[in-house]
C-alpha cells in the first residue's frame, strides 16, 4: 500500500470520495481483473464494495479510468515484488538462505 502512496501525488477522486488505489486494485483483482470487470460491467459494483455510493452516472467510468491511469502502470512492478516475496518465503520454509532473507 505504501508503494502506491509514494508514487501517486494527491488522491484521485470520484465525486466527493477519494479513491484508495490499493483497495481499488485489490477489489478489481479479486473480481478477476480489469478485463473481466469491464466485460461484466462490474465497475459500479467495485464502487459499492469501496463504499463509494450515490455516484453520478459517469462515476463508474471515472473509477475505471483512474484504475487504468494510476494502477495499471504499477502492475508489473507489483507482480515482481509479490513474486520475490513469495520466493523468499518459500526459501525460508525450505531452510535456504538468500541475500534477501539475510537482511
N, C-alpha and C. Protein backbone atom coordinates (compact mmCIF):
# COMPACT_ATOMS: atom_id res chain seq x y z
N UNK A 1 0.83 -1.19 0.00
CA UNK A 1 0.00 0.00 0.00
C UNK A 1 0.87 1.26 0.00
N UNK A 2 1.92 1.26 0.80
CA UNK A 2 2.79 2.42 0.85
C UNK A 2 3.44 2.66 -0.50
N UNK A 3 3.69 1.58 -1.22
CA UNK A 3 4.33 1.68 -2.52
C UNK A 3 3.48 2.53 -3.47
N UNK A 4 2.16 2.33 -3.47
CA UNK A 4 1.27 3.13 -4.32
C UNK A 4 1.24 4.57 -3.83
N UNK A 5 1.16 4.77 -2.53
CA UNK A 5 1.03 6.11 -1.99
C UNK A 5 2.27 6.95 -2.26
N UNK A 6 3.44 6.32 -2.29
CA UNK A 6 4.67 7.08 -2.56
C UNK A 6 4.72 7.61 -3.97
N UNK A 7 4.14 6.89 -4.92
CA UNK A 7 4.33 7.21 -6.32
C UNK A 7 3.18 8.01 -6.95
N UNK A 8 2.11 8.21 -6.23
CA UNK A 8 0.99 8.99 -6.75
C UNK A 8 0.80 10.19 -5.85
N UNK A 9 0.95 11.35 -6.41
CA UNK A 9 0.79 12.57 -5.63
C UNK A 9 -0.66 13.01 -5.70
N UNK A 10 -1.25 13.18 -4.53
CA UNK A 10 -2.66 13.53 -4.47
C UNK A 10 -3.52 12.33 -4.81
N UNK A 11 -4.65 12.27 -4.22
CA UNK A 11 -5.54 11.14 -4.47
C UNK A 11 -6.52 11.46 -5.57
N UNK A 12 -6.68 10.57 -6.53
CA UNK A 12 -7.76 10.76 -7.49
C UNK A 12 -9.08 10.61 -6.74
N UNK A 13 -10.09 11.29 -7.23
CA UNK A 13 -11.37 11.22 -6.53
C UNK A 13 -12.51 11.05 -7.52
N UNK A 14 -13.60 10.54 -6.97
CA UNK A 14 -14.85 10.39 -7.71
C UNK A 14 -15.91 11.09 -6.89
N UNK A 15 -16.52 12.11 -7.47
CA UNK A 15 -17.46 12.91 -6.68
C UNK A 15 -16.71 13.51 -5.51
N UNK A 16 -17.18 13.24 -4.31
CA UNK A 16 -16.52 13.74 -3.11
C UNK A 16 -15.73 12.63 -2.41
N UNK A 17 -15.50 11.53 -3.08
CA UNK A 17 -14.80 10.39 -2.49
C UNK A 17 -13.39 10.27 -3.04
N UNK A 18 -12.40 10.26 -2.16
CA UNK A 18 -11.03 9.97 -2.57
C UNK A 18 -10.91 8.47 -2.82
N UNK A 19 -10.20 8.11 -3.88
CA UNK A 19 -10.02 6.70 -4.20
C UNK A 19 -8.79 6.16 -3.48
N UNK A 20 -8.96 5.05 -2.80
CA UNK A 20 -7.84 4.31 -2.24
C UNK A 20 -7.37 3.37 -3.34
N UNK A 21 -6.26 3.70 -3.98
CA UNK A 21 -5.82 2.94 -5.15
C UNK A 21 -5.45 1.51 -4.83
N UNK A 22 -4.88 1.29 -3.66
CA UNK A 22 -4.53 -0.08 -3.28
C UNK A 22 -5.81 -0.90 -3.08
N UNK A 23 -6.78 -0.33 -2.41
CA UNK A 23 -8.06 -1.02 -2.21
C UNK A 23 -8.74 -1.28 -3.55
N UNK A 24 -8.69 -0.30 -4.43
CA UNK A 24 -9.25 -0.46 -5.77
C UNK A 24 -8.57 -1.62 -6.48
N UNK A 25 -7.25 -1.66 -6.43
CA UNK A 25 -6.51 -2.76 -7.04
C UNK A 25 -6.95 -4.11 -6.47
N UNK A 26 -7.07 -4.19 -5.15
CA UNK A 26 -7.44 -5.46 -4.51
C UNK A 26 -8.84 -5.91 -4.93
N UNK A 27 -9.80 -5.01 -4.95
CA UNK A 27 -11.17 -5.38 -5.34
C UNK A 27 -11.23 -5.81 -6.80
N UNK A 28 -10.51 -5.11 -7.66
CA UNK A 28 -10.51 -5.48 -9.09
C UNK A 28 -9.84 -6.83 -9.27
N UNK A 29 -8.72 -7.06 -8.59
CA UNK A 29 -8.03 -8.34 -8.69
C UNK A 29 -8.92 -9.48 -8.17
N UNK A 30 -9.60 -9.25 -7.06
CA UNK A 30 -10.50 -10.28 -6.50
C UNK A 30 -11.67 -10.57 -7.41
N UNK A 31 -12.01 -9.60 -8.26
CA UNK A 31 -13.15 -9.78 -9.18
C UNK A 31 -12.72 -10.36 -10.52
N UNK A 32 -11.44 -10.70 -10.67
CA UNK A 32 -10.98 -11.34 -11.89
C UNK A 32 -10.12 -10.48 -12.78
N UNK A 33 -9.88 -9.25 -12.39
CA UNK A 33 -9.05 -8.36 -13.18
C UNK A 33 -9.88 -7.35 -13.95
N UNK A 34 -9.22 -6.34 -14.51
CA UNK A 34 -9.94 -5.24 -15.15
C UNK A 34 -10.73 -5.67 -16.39
N UNK A 35 -10.21 -6.64 -17.14
CA UNK A 35 -10.94 -7.08 -18.34
C UNK A 35 -12.26 -7.75 -17.97
N UNK A 36 -12.24 -8.59 -16.95
CA UNK A 36 -13.45 -9.27 -16.50
C UNK A 36 -14.44 -8.28 -15.92
N UNK A 37 -13.92 -7.34 -15.12
CA UNK A 37 -14.79 -6.32 -14.51
C UNK A 37 -15.46 -5.50 -15.60
N UNK A 38 -14.71 -5.13 -16.63
CA UNK A 38 -15.27 -4.35 -17.73
C UNK A 38 -16.26 -5.19 -18.54
N UNK A 39 -15.88 -6.41 -18.86
CA UNK A 39 -16.74 -7.29 -19.65
C UNK A 39 -18.08 -7.54 -18.96
N UNK A 40 -18.05 -7.70 -17.64
CA UNK A 40 -19.28 -7.96 -16.88
C UNK A 40 -19.93 -6.70 -16.34
N UNK A 41 -19.39 -5.55 -16.72
CA UNK A 41 -19.91 -4.24 -16.29
C UNK A 41 -20.05 -4.17 -14.77
N UNK A 42 -18.96 -4.45 -14.07
CA UNK A 42 -18.98 -4.51 -12.61
C UNK A 42 -18.27 -3.33 -11.94
N UNK A 43 -17.95 -2.29 -12.70
CA UNK A 43 -17.25 -1.16 -12.08
C UNK A 43 -18.11 -0.49 -11.01
N UNK A 44 -19.40 -0.41 -11.24
CA UNK A 44 -20.29 0.18 -10.23
C UNK A 44 -20.30 -0.70 -8.97
N UNK A 45 -20.24 -2.01 -9.17
CA UNK A 45 -20.17 -2.94 -8.04
C UNK A 45 -18.88 -2.75 -7.25
N UNK A 46 -17.77 -2.51 -7.97
CA UNK A 46 -16.50 -2.23 -7.30
C UNK A 46 -16.64 -0.96 -6.46
N UNK A 47 -17.30 0.04 -6.99
CA UNK A 47 -17.53 1.29 -6.25
C UNK A 47 -18.33 1.01 -4.98
N UNK A 48 -19.35 0.18 -5.08
CA UNK A 48 -20.17 -0.15 -3.92
C UNK A 48 -19.33 -0.89 -2.87
N UNK A 49 -18.47 -1.79 -3.30
CA UNK A 49 -17.60 -2.51 -2.36
C UNK A 49 -16.66 -1.55 -1.63
N UNK A 50 -16.30 -0.47 -2.30
CA UNK A 50 -15.42 0.53 -1.71
C UNK A 50 -16.19 1.60 -0.92
N UNK A 51 -17.49 1.39 -0.76
CA UNK A 51 -18.37 2.33 -0.06
C UNK A 51 -18.43 3.69 -0.74
N UNK A 52 -18.32 3.69 -2.06
CA UNK A 52 -18.50 4.91 -2.83
C UNK A 52 -19.91 4.84 -3.40
N UNK A 53 -20.81 5.51 -2.72
CA UNK A 53 -22.22 5.43 -3.07
C UNK A 53 -22.69 6.76 -3.65
N UNK A 54 -23.89 6.77 -4.18
CA UNK A 54 -24.50 7.96 -4.76
C UNK A 54 -23.63 8.58 -5.85
N UNK A 55 -23.15 7.74 -6.74
CA UNK A 55 -22.31 8.21 -7.84
C UNK A 55 -23.16 8.80 -8.95
N UNK A 56 -22.61 9.79 -9.64
CA UNK A 56 -23.28 10.23 -10.86
C UNK A 56 -23.17 9.10 -11.90
N UNK A 57 -23.96 9.16 -12.96
CA UNK A 57 -23.91 8.09 -13.96
C UNK A 57 -22.52 7.81 -14.51
N UNK A 58 -21.68 8.82 -14.59
CA UNK A 58 -20.33 8.62 -15.13
C UNK A 58 -19.33 8.19 -14.06
N UNK A 59 -19.76 8.01 -12.82
CA UNK A 59 -18.86 7.70 -11.72
C UNK A 59 -18.08 6.41 -11.91
N UNK A 60 -18.77 5.36 -12.37
CA UNK A 60 -18.07 4.09 -12.54
C UNK A 60 -17.04 4.19 -13.67
N UNK A 61 -17.35 4.98 -14.68
CA UNK A 61 -16.40 5.20 -15.77
C UNK A 61 -15.17 5.95 -15.25
N UNK A 62 -15.38 6.88 -14.35
CA UNK A 62 -14.28 7.63 -13.75
C UNK A 62 -13.39 6.71 -12.92
N UNK A 63 -14.00 5.77 -12.20
CA UNK A 63 -13.23 4.81 -11.41
C UNK A 63 -12.41 3.91 -12.33
N UNK A 64 -13.02 3.45 -13.42
CA UNK A 64 -12.30 2.63 -14.38
C UNK A 64 -11.12 3.41 -14.96
N UNK A 65 -11.33 4.65 -15.33
CA UNK A 65 -10.24 5.47 -15.88
C UNK A 65 -9.13 5.68 -14.86
N UNK A 66 -9.50 5.89 -13.60
CA UNK A 66 -8.49 6.05 -12.55
C UNK A 66 -7.68 4.77 -12.39
N UNK A 67 -8.35 3.63 -12.46
CA UNK A 67 -7.65 2.34 -12.37
C UNK A 67 -6.65 2.22 -13.52
N UNK A 68 -7.10 2.52 -14.72
CA UNK A 68 -6.23 2.40 -15.89
C UNK A 68 -5.07 3.40 -15.83
N UNK A 69 -5.32 4.57 -15.32
CA UNK A 69 -4.29 5.61 -15.30
C UNK A 69 -3.29 5.44 -14.16
N UNK A 70 -3.79 5.08 -12.97
CA UNK A 70 -2.93 5.08 -11.79
C UNK A 70 -2.47 3.69 -11.35
N UNK A 71 -3.27 2.66 -11.57
CA UNK A 71 -2.92 1.33 -11.06
C UNK A 71 -2.23 0.48 -12.11
N UNK A 72 -2.76 0.46 -13.32
CA UNK A 72 -2.21 -0.40 -14.37
C UNK A 72 -0.72 -0.19 -14.60
N UNK A 73 -0.20 1.04 -14.62
CA UNK A 73 1.24 1.20 -14.84
C UNK A 73 2.10 0.53 -13.77
N UNK A 74 1.56 0.31 -12.57
CA UNK A 74 2.32 -0.27 -11.49
C UNK A 74 2.17 -1.79 -11.38
N UNK A 75 1.27 -2.38 -12.15
CA UNK A 75 1.02 -3.82 -12.01
C UNK A 75 2.26 -4.69 -12.25
N UNK A 76 3.06 -4.44 -13.30
CA UNK A 76 4.25 -5.29 -13.48
C UNK A 76 5.21 -5.22 -12.27
N UNK A 77 5.40 -4.04 -11.72
CA UNK A 77 6.28 -3.90 -10.57
C UNK A 77 5.68 -4.57 -9.33
N UNK A 78 4.37 -4.45 -9.17
CA UNK A 78 3.70 -5.09 -8.04
C UNK A 78 3.82 -6.60 -8.14
N UNK A 79 3.63 -7.15 -9.34
CA UNK A 79 3.75 -8.59 -9.54
C UNK A 79 5.18 -9.04 -9.26
N UNK A 80 6.17 -8.24 -9.67
CA UNK A 80 7.56 -8.58 -9.43
C UNK A 80 7.84 -8.62 -7.94
N UNK A 81 7.37 -7.64 -7.21
CA UNK A 81 7.57 -7.61 -5.75
C UNK A 81 6.87 -8.78 -5.08
N UNK A 82 5.65 -9.07 -5.53
CA UNK A 82 4.89 -10.16 -4.94
C UNK A 82 5.59 -11.49 -5.17
N UNK A 83 6.12 -11.71 -6.36
CA UNK A 83 6.79 -12.98 -6.65
C UNK A 83 8.09 -13.09 -5.87
N UNK A 84 8.82 -11.99 -5.68
CA UNK A 84 10.06 -12.05 -4.91
C UNK A 84 9.77 -12.33 -3.44
N UNK A 85 8.67 -11.80 -2.93
CA UNK A 85 8.28 -12.07 -1.54
C UNK A 85 7.90 -13.53 -1.38
N UNK A 86 7.14 -14.07 -2.34
CA UNK A 86 6.74 -15.48 -2.22
C UNK A 86 7.94 -16.40 -2.38
N UNK A 87 8.90 -16.06 -3.24
CA UNK A 87 10.12 -16.87 -3.37
C UNK A 87 10.91 -16.83 -2.08
N UNK A 88 11.02 -15.68 -1.47
CA UNK A 88 11.75 -15.53 -0.22
C UNK A 88 11.08 -16.36 0.88
N UNK A 89 9.76 -16.35 0.92
CA UNK A 89 9.01 -17.13 1.91
C UNK A 89 9.23 -18.62 1.71
N UNK A 90 9.22 -19.07 0.45
CA UNK A 90 9.46 -20.48 0.17
C UNK A 90 10.88 -20.88 0.55
N UNK A 91 11.86 -20.01 0.29
CA UNK A 91 13.24 -20.30 0.66
C UNK A 91 13.37 -20.46 2.18
N UNK A 92 12.69 -19.60 2.93
CA UNK A 92 12.75 -19.70 4.39
C UNK A 92 12.13 -21.00 4.86
N UNK A 93 11.03 -21.42 4.23
CA UNK A 93 10.38 -22.68 4.62
C UNK A 93 11.29 -23.86 4.34
N UNK A 94 12.06 -23.79 3.26
CA UNK A 94 12.94 -24.89 2.89
C UNK A 94 14.30 -24.79 3.59
N UNK A 95 14.51 -23.72 4.36
CA UNK A 95 15.75 -23.58 5.10
C UNK A 95 16.90 -22.99 4.30
N UNK A 96 16.61 -22.49 3.11
CA UNK A 96 17.66 -21.88 2.29
C UNK A 96 17.86 -20.43 2.71
N UNK A 97 19.09 -20.00 2.66
CA UNK A 97 19.39 -18.60 2.96
C UNK A 97 19.69 -17.89 1.66
N UNK A 98 18.98 -16.81 1.43
CA UNK A 98 19.19 -16.00 0.23
C UNK A 98 19.62 -14.61 0.66
N UNK A 99 20.21 -13.85 -0.25
CA UNK A 99 20.59 -12.48 0.12
C UNK A 99 19.41 -11.67 0.66
N UNK A 100 18.21 -11.92 0.14
CA UNK A 100 17.03 -11.19 0.61
C UNK A 100 16.68 -11.57 2.04
N UNK A 101 16.84 -12.85 2.40
CA UNK A 101 16.41 -13.29 3.72
C UNK A 101 17.44 -13.01 4.81
N UNK A 102 18.65 -12.60 4.43
CA UNK A 102 19.68 -12.30 5.43
C UNK A 102 19.44 -10.97 6.12
N UNK A 103 18.88 -9.99 5.36
CA UNK A 103 18.74 -8.64 5.87
C UNK A 103 17.77 -8.52 6.94
